[in-house]
Amino acid sequence: MDRDGRRRNPYELTEDTPVYVISVAAQLSGLHPQTLRQYDRLGLVSPDRTAGRGRRYSARDIELLRQVQQLSQSEGINLAGIKRIIELENQVTALQQRVAELSAAVDGAAAQMRQREAQVHASYRRDLVRYEDVRHTSALVVWRPGRPSAE
């Protein structure tokens, strides 16, 4: 299943598919393989593992490695700070997904409510006439039972 909960083709490559061995991931990210191992130990980038415990990096992992390198070298942020930044970004992503889910649920509930409201309005009897309280008017009504009106 993919991140949206849908079934996907097991042979389809996505940005989350772990395909790169550590040497290729190091080359693609511009880092030394030992640096990748250190980042894995620190929990900055956690690649998937094969049955033999070998690391397999995805395209998303490679991008994250590049981001860690940029934050470390260009911005001067230490590894603990980078780890916190990554954790916060992951929380923001998860919260944005949750907000989208809740918005969809609210939209669905609102549509259901409008549909039920329309059903109630459609069920009103049309032969009934709205009653108006005559105490608030100055009109006088004369009623004579059994006599047809002179219209």
Protein backbone atom coordinates (compact mmCIF):
# COMPACT_ATOMS: atom_id res chain seq x y z
CA MET A 1 0.00 0.00 0.00
CA ASP A 2 1.18 3.52 -0.65
CA ARG A 3 1.07 6.52 1.70
CA ASP A 4 -2.55 7.24 0.70
CA GLY A 5 -3.66 3.73 1.72
CA ARG A 6 -4.22 2.54 -1.85
CA ARG A 7 -2.91 -0.71 -3.23
CA ARG A 8 -0.08 -0.27 -5.65
CA ASN A 9 1.81 -2.41 -8.10
CA PRO A 10 4.68 -4.09 -6.19
CA TYR A 11 6.98 -3.52 -9.19
CA GLU A 12 6.16 0.18 -9.51
CA LEU A 13 9.01 2.43 -8.42
CA THR A 14 8.10 5.45 -6.34
CA GLU A 15 10.17 7.98 -4.44
CA ASP A 16 9.73 5.76 -1.35
CA THR A 17 10.98 2.56 -3.00
CA PRO A 18 14.27 1.50 -1.36
CA VAL A 19 16.56 0.66 -4.28
CA TYR A 20 19.97 2.26 -3.69
CA VAL A 21 22.78 0.50 -1.85
CA ILE A 22 24.88 2.64 0.48
CA SER A 23 27.67 3.25 -2.05
CA VAL A 24 25.23 4.55 -4.68
CA ALA A 25 23.32 6.61 -2.10
CA ALA A 26 26.62 8.14 -0.94
CA GLN A 27 27.55 9.02 -4.50
CA LEU A 28 24.10 10.50 -5.27
CA SER A 29 24.07 12.58 -2.07
CA GLY A 30 27.70 13.66 -2.29
CA LEU A 31 28.51 12.19 1.13
CA HIS A 32 30.90 9.49 2.33
CA PRO A 33 29.33 6.07 3.10
CA GLN A 34 30.59 6.37 6.68
CA THR A 35 28.64 9.64 7.03
CA LEU A 36 25.49 7.82 5.89
CA ARG A 37 26.09 5.15 8.52
CA GLN A 38 26.51 7.85 11.17
CA TYR A 39 23.30 9.59 10.09
CA ASP A 40 21.53 6.22 10.31
CA ARG A 41 22.86 5.61 13.85
CA LEU A 42 21.74 9.11 14.89
CA GLY A 43 18.29 8.57 13.37
CA LEU A 44 18.58 11.43 10.88
CA VAL A 45 17.96 9.19 7.87
CA SER A 46 16.60 5.69 8.40
CA PRO A 47 16.90 3.58 5.25
CA ASP A 48 15.09 0.28 4.83
CA ARG A 49 17.00 -2.92 5.52
CA THR A 50 17.34 -6.07 3.44
CA ALA A 51 17.05 -9.53 4.96
CA GLY A 52 20.86 -9.50 5.34
CA ARG A 53 20.64 -6.14 7.21
CA GLY A 54 22.06 -4.15 4.27
CA ARG A 55 20.83 -0.59 3.91
CA ARG A 56 18.60 0.34 0.96
CA TYR A 57 17.96 4.03 0.32
CA SER A 58 15.01 5.52 -1.54
CA ALA A 59 14.94 8.68 -3.63
CA ARG A 60 13.26 10.38 -0.66
CA ASP A 61 16.15 9.27 1.57
CA ILE A 62 18.67 10.70 -0.92
CA GLU A 63 16.82 14.03 -0.88
CA LEU A 64 16.82 14.00 2.92
CA LEU A 65 20.58 13.31 2.94
CA ARG A 66 21.12 16.32 0.70
CA GLN A 67 18.95 18.44 2.99
CA VAL A 68 20.94 17.32 6.06
CA GLN A 69 24.19 18.15 4.29
CA GLN A 70 22.89 21.59 3.26
CA LEU A 71 21.66 22.42 6.77
CA SER A 72 24.92 21.24 8.30
CA GLN A 73 27.37 22.85 5.90
CA SER A 74 25.58 25.95 4.61
CA GLU A 75 23.48 26.86 7.64
CA GLY A 76 25.89 25.67 10.33
CA ILE A 77 23.24 23.70 12.22
CA ASN A 78 24.49 20.83 14.39
CA LEU A 79 23.17 17.30 13.92
CA ALA A 80 20.91 17.44 16.99
CA GLY A 81 19.29 20.59 15.60
CA ILE A 82 18.91 18.99 12.19
CA LYS A 83 17.26 15.96 13.77
CA ARG A 84 14.79 18.25 15.57
CA ILE A 85 14.06 20.14 12.34
CA ILE A 86 13.35 16.86 10.51
CA GLU A 87 11.07 15.68 13.34
CA LEU A 88 9.14 18.96 13.27
CA GLU A 89 8.81 18.85 9.48
CA ASN A 90 7.46 15.30 9.73
CA GLN A 91 4.96 16.44 12.38
CA VAL A 92 3.83 19.32 10.17
CA THR A 93 3.35 16.93 7.23
CA ALA A 94 1.34 14.51 9.39
CA LEU A 95 -0.80 17.35 10.75
CA GLN A 96 -1.43 18.71 7.26
CA GLN A 97 -2.60 15.27 6.17
CA ARG A 98 -4.87 15.05 9.23
CA VAL A 99 -6.34 18.49 8.50
CA ALA A 100 -7.05 17.41 4.93
CA GLU A 101 -8.76 14.23 6.20
CA LEU A 102 -10.86 16.19 8.70
CA SER A 103 -11.79 18.80 6.09
CA ALA A 104 -12.98 16.05 3.78
CA ALA A 105 -15.00 14.52 6.62
CA VAL A 106 -16.59 17.89 7.45
CA ASP A 107 -17.42 18.50 3.79
CA GLY A 108 -19.02 15.05 3.58
CA ALA A 109 -21.04 15.61 6.74
CA ALA A 110 -22.20 19.02 5.50
CA ALA A 111 -23.30 17.51 2.18
CA GLN A 112 -25.22 14.78 4.03
CA MET A 113 -26.86 17.39 6.25
CA ARG A 114 -27.95 19.45 3.22
CA GLN A 115 -29.34 16.32 1.58
CA ARG A 116 -31.31 15.37 4.69
CA GLU A 117 -32.57 18.93 5.07
CA ALA A 118 -33.78 18.88 1.46
CA GLN A 119 -35.57 15.58 2.13
CA VAL A 120 -37.32 17.08 5.15
CA HIS A 121 -38.40 20.14 3.19
CA ALA A 122 -39.65 17.94 0.36
CA SER A 123 -41.77 15.98 2.82
CA TYR A 124 -43.76 19.03 3.98
CA ARG A 125 -47.48 18.80 3.31
CA ARG A 126 -48.49 21.34 0.70
CA ASP A 127 -52.16 21.49 1.75
CA LEU A 128 -51.32 23.16 5.05
CA VAL A 129 -51.41 26.91 5.29
CA ARG A 130 -49.30 28.89 7.64
CA TYR A 131 -51.21 30.12 10.67
CA GLU A 132 -50.97 33.78 11.54
CA ASP A 133 -52.03 34.98 14.93
CA VAL A 134 -54.98 37.39 14.47
CA ARG A 135 -54.41 39.07 17.79
CA HIS A 136 -51.75 41.21 16.22
CA THR A 137 -53.96 42.56 13.44
CA SER A 138 -56.86 44.96 13.49
CA ALA A 139 -58.90 42.96 10.94
CA LEU A 140 -62.33 41.64 11.92
CA VAL A 141 -63.42 38.28 10.54
CA VAL A 142 -67.04 37.19 10.52
CA TRP A 143 -67.67 33.53 10.29
CA ARG A 144 -71.03 32.00 9.53
CA PRO A 145 -71.06 28.26 9.55
CA GLY A 146 -73.01 26.43 6.90
CA ARG A 147 -73.56 29.41 4.61
CA PRO A 148 -71.66 29.67 1.38
CA SER A 149 -69.75 32.85 0.92
CA ALA A 150 -71.02 35.47 -1.54
CA GLU A 151 -68.00 35.46 -3.82
